[in-house]
């Protein structure tokens, strides 16, 4: 089964600020903006289905500088990690752009590109990627292959293929690797 054009791709995931029930109430409370706190991405060789390299960065939120207990429990990201290792959003997104280069397609589980654009808006900057068409939703590939991907998320799609989680759920790296393992299983189907 051919899913990609056999060029390397980037699988990426973000973790962003949240409070309990924020999604259910449509983030209607003050300062429930989805500020990116972590970006993880892996370059994947679609021919060999192997990880080529990875990128990781913590970002210090400005609207929600104090992470909620809900967020920290969900992602296992600590306030101390963000305070010590976190960078400002503009520096972080520019470092990610340099690492990602200008040609590889950028896949996420869902529309993380919208969250990225929202964060650029917050910082009064233009999305620093020349072609928005580089952003792809990996869910579309699963759906095209009759996988009920909308019933899962990046932390759980591996369960469809009976692949155990090797890492913490709702950790951007673990989620990107779950997607990669699920794509591998899709190839083997």
Protein backbone atom coordinates (compact mmCIF):
# COMPACT_ATOMS: atom_id res chain seq x y z
CA UNK A 1 0.00 0.00 0.00
CA UNK A 2 1.44 3.39 -1.01
CA UNK A 3 0.43 6.14 1.37
CA UNK A 4 3.08 8.76 0.76
CA UNK A 5 5.17 9.84 -2.20
CA UNK A 6 8.13 7.95 -0.68
CA UNK A 7 9.81 11.15 0.45
CA UNK A 8 10.77 11.77 4.08
CA UNK A 9 8.04 13.44 6.13
CA UNK A 10 7.80 15.14 9.49
CA UNK A 11 5.39 13.88 12.14
CA UNK A 12 4.81 16.52 14.76
CA UNK A 13 2.75 17.03 17.84
CA UNK A 14 2.20 19.90 20.21
CA UNK A 15 1.08 20.18 23.78
CA UNK A 16 -0.71 23.39 24.69
CA UNK A 17 -2.11 24.97 27.82
CA UNK A 18 -5.45 23.72 29.03
CA UNK A 19 -7.64 23.40 32.07
CA UNK A 20 -10.05 20.65 33.00
CA UNK A 21 -13.22 20.78 30.88
CA UNK A 22 -11.82 23.64 28.74
CA UNK A 23 -12.66 21.88 25.50
CA UNK A 24 -16.20 21.06 26.63
CA UNK A 25 -16.94 24.70 27.48
CA UNK A 26 -15.29 25.88 24.23
CA UNK A 27 -12.46 27.58 26.14
CA UNK A 28 -14.85 30.29 27.28
CA UNK A 29 -13.09 31.21 30.51
CA UNK A 30 -10.54 34.01 30.68
CA UNK A 31 -7.03 33.12 29.44
CA UNK A 32 -7.99 29.71 28.04
CA UNK A 33 -5.96 30.44 24.95
CA UNK A 34 -4.21 27.33 23.56
CA UNK A 35 -0.60 28.40 24.11
CA UNK A 36 1.95 25.92 22.83
CA UNK A 37 4.16 24.59 25.62
CA UNK A 38 5.97 21.78 23.78
CA UNK A 39 6.73 20.92 20.17
CA UNK A 40 8.09 17.49 19.30
CA UNK A 41 8.71 16.38 15.78
CA UNK A 42 10.39 13.45 14.09
CA UNK A 43 11.62 13.11 10.55
CA UNK A 44 10.55 9.75 9.15
CA UNK A 45 11.89 7.93 6.12
CA UNK A 46 8.69 6.65 4.51
CA UNK A 47 10.58 3.99 2.57
CA UNK A 48 12.17 2.32 5.59
CA UNK A 49 9.62 3.68 8.10
CA UNK A 50 12.46 4.63 10.43
CA UNK A 51 13.02 7.75 12.48
CA UNK A 52 15.78 9.90 10.95
CA UNK A 53 16.01 12.65 13.57
CA UNK A 54 13.95 14.43 16.19
CA UNK A 55 13.28 17.94 17.44
CA UNK A 56 12.07 18.99 20.87
CA UNK A 57 11.47 22.33 22.48
CA UNK A 58 9.63 23.75 25.48
CA UNK A 59 7.96 27.14 25.18
CA UNK A 60 7.15 29.54 28.01
CA UNK A 61 3.52 30.64 27.72
CA UNK A 62 2.78 34.32 28.31
CA UNK A 63 -1.00 34.28 28.88
CA UNK A 64 -0.81 31.18 31.10
CA UNK A 65 2.70 31.26 32.60
CA UNK A 66 1.57 29.05 35.48
CA UNK A 67 0.60 25.64 34.09
CA UNK A 68 -2.61 24.13 35.40
CA UNK A 69 -2.49 20.97 37.48
CA UNK A 70 -4.76 19.41 34.86
CA UNK A 71 -2.20 20.12 32.10
CA UNK A 72 0.75 18.90 34.17
CA UNK A 73 -1.05 15.68 35.16
CA UNK A 74 -2.14 15.03 31.58
CA UNK A 75 1.20 15.68 29.87
CA UNK A 76 3.67 15.00 32.70
CA UNK A 77 5.34 18.31 31.75
CA UNK A 78 6.37 20.16 34.89
CA UNK A 79 6.37 23.87 35.65
CA UNK A 80 10.08 23.58 36.44
CA UNK A 81 10.87 22.08 33.00
CA UNK A 82 9.10 24.93 31.25
CA UNK A 83 10.59 27.61 33.53
CA UNK A 84 14.15 26.32 33.09
CA UNK A 85 14.18 24.89 29.56
CA UNK A 86 11.42 26.94 27.94
CA UNK A 87 12.09 29.49 25.26
CA UNK A 88 9.95 32.31 24.00
CA UNK A 89 7.56 31.32 21.21
CA UNK A 90 9.24 33.35 18.46
CA UNK A 91 12.65 31.79 19.13
CA UNK A 92 11.12 28.31 19.40
CA UNK A 93 9.09 28.46 16.20
CA UNK A 94 12.04 29.83 14.25
CA UNK A 95 14.27 27.00 15.56
CA UNK A 96 11.59 24.51 14.52
CA UNK A 97 11.38 26.08 11.05
CA UNK A 98 15.16 25.80 10.58
CA UNK A 99 15.10 22.14 11.69
CA UNK A 100 12.10 21.33 9.48
CA UNK A 101 13.57 22.97 6.38
CA UNK A 102 11.48 24.12 3.46
CA UNK A 103 10.39 20.97 1.65
CA UNK A 104 9.11 18.13 3.86
CA UNK A 105 5.41 17.75 4.49
CA UNK A 106 4.41 18.38 8.11
CA UNK A 107 1.88 15.87 9.44
CA UNK A 108 -0.01 16.14 12.71
CA UNK A 109 -2.95 14.24 14.16
CA UNK A 110 -5.68 16.77 13.58
CA UNK A 111 -5.21 20.43 12.83
CA UNK A 112 -2.25 21.45 14.97
CA UNK A 113 -1.48 23.96 12.21
CA UNK A 114 -4.47 25.99 13.43
CA UNK A 115 -3.03 26.07 16.96
CA UNK A 116 0.33 27.09 15.50
CA UNK A 117 -1.34 29.90 13.54
CA UNK A 118 -3.23 31.04 16.67
CA UNK A 119 0.06 31.27 18.54
CA UNK A 120 1.65 33.25 15.71
CA UNK A 121 -1.35 35.62 15.90
CA UNK A 122 -0.78 36.03 19.65
CA UNK A 123 2.80 37.09 18.97
CA UNK A 124 1.86 39.35 16.03
CA UNK A 125 3.88 37.33 13.58
CA UNK A 126 3.23 35.58 10.31
CA UNK A 127 3.37 31.81 10.22
CA UNK A 128 7.04 31.32 9.24
CA UNK A 129 6.42 28.54 6.72
CA UNK A 130 6.27 29.60 3.08
CA UNK A 131 3.66 27.09 1.99
CA UNK A 132 0.70 26.38 4.24
CA UNK A 133 0.01 23.41 1.98
CA UNK A 134 2.93 21.62 3.71
CA UNK A 135 0.65 21.08 6.73
CA UNK A 136 -1.22 17.79 6.50
CA UNK A 137 -3.65 15.94 8.73
CA UNK A 138 -2.52 12.33 9.21
CA UNK A 139 -6.10 11.43 10.18
CA UNK A 140 -7.02 11.75 6.48
CA UNK A 141 -4.59 8.93 5.61
CA UNK A 142 -6.05 6.63 8.24
CA UNK A 143 -9.60 7.44 7.15
CA UNK A 144 -8.73 6.81 3.49
CA UNK A 145 -7.62 3.33 4.58
CA UNK A 146 -10.84 2.61 6.50
CA UNK A 147 -9.30 3.16 9.93
CA UNK A 148 -11.81 4.94 12.23
CA UNK A 149 -9.22 7.56 13.20
CA UNK A 150 -11.77 10.08 14.46
CA UNK A 151 -12.47 7.70 17.35
CA UNK A 152 -8.84 8.03 18.46
CA UNK A 153 -6.22 10.72 19.00
CA UNK A 154 -2.46 10.87 18.65
CA UNK A 155 -2.07 9.21 22.06
CA UNK A 156 -4.36 6.32 21.27
CA UNK A 157 -4.36 5.53 17.51
CA UNK A 158 -1.83 2.77 18.22
CA UNK A 159 -4.55 0.95 20.17
CA UNK A 160 -6.45 0.35 16.93
CA UNK A 161 -3.46 -1.70 15.74
CA UNK A 162 -3.00 -3.39 19.17
CA UNK A 163 0.34 -1.65 19.68
CA UNK A 164 1.06 -0.86 23.35
CA UNK A 165 2.06 2.64 24.37
CA UNK A 166 5.77 2.73 25.06
CA UNK A 167 5.73 6.19 26.57
CA UNK A 168 3.56 8.64 28.42
CA UNK A 169 0.29 9.54 26.73
CA UNK A 170 -0.15 13.21 25.85
CA UNK A 171 3.58 13.70 25.59
CA UNK A 172 4.33 15.21 22.20
CA UNK A 173 7.26 12.86 21.44
CA UNK A 174 5.36 9.77 22.55
CA UNK A 175 2.37 10.86 20.47
CA UNK A 176 4.49 11.42 17.35
CA UNK A 177 6.07 7.99 17.82
CA UNK A 178 2.62 6.41 18.34
CA UNK A 179 1.60 7.86 14.99
CA UNK A 180 4.79 6.53 13.37
CA UNK A 181 4.22 3.01 14.77
CA UNK A 182 0.60 3.13 13.62
CA UNK A 183 1.65 4.15 10.12
CA UNK A 184 4.08 1.24 10.09
CA UNK A 185 1.25 -1.12 11.08
CA UNK A 186 -0.91 0.38 8.35
CA UNK A 187 1.82 -0.37 5.79
CA UNK A 188 1.92 -4.00 7.00
CA UNK A 189 -1.86 -4.47 6.76
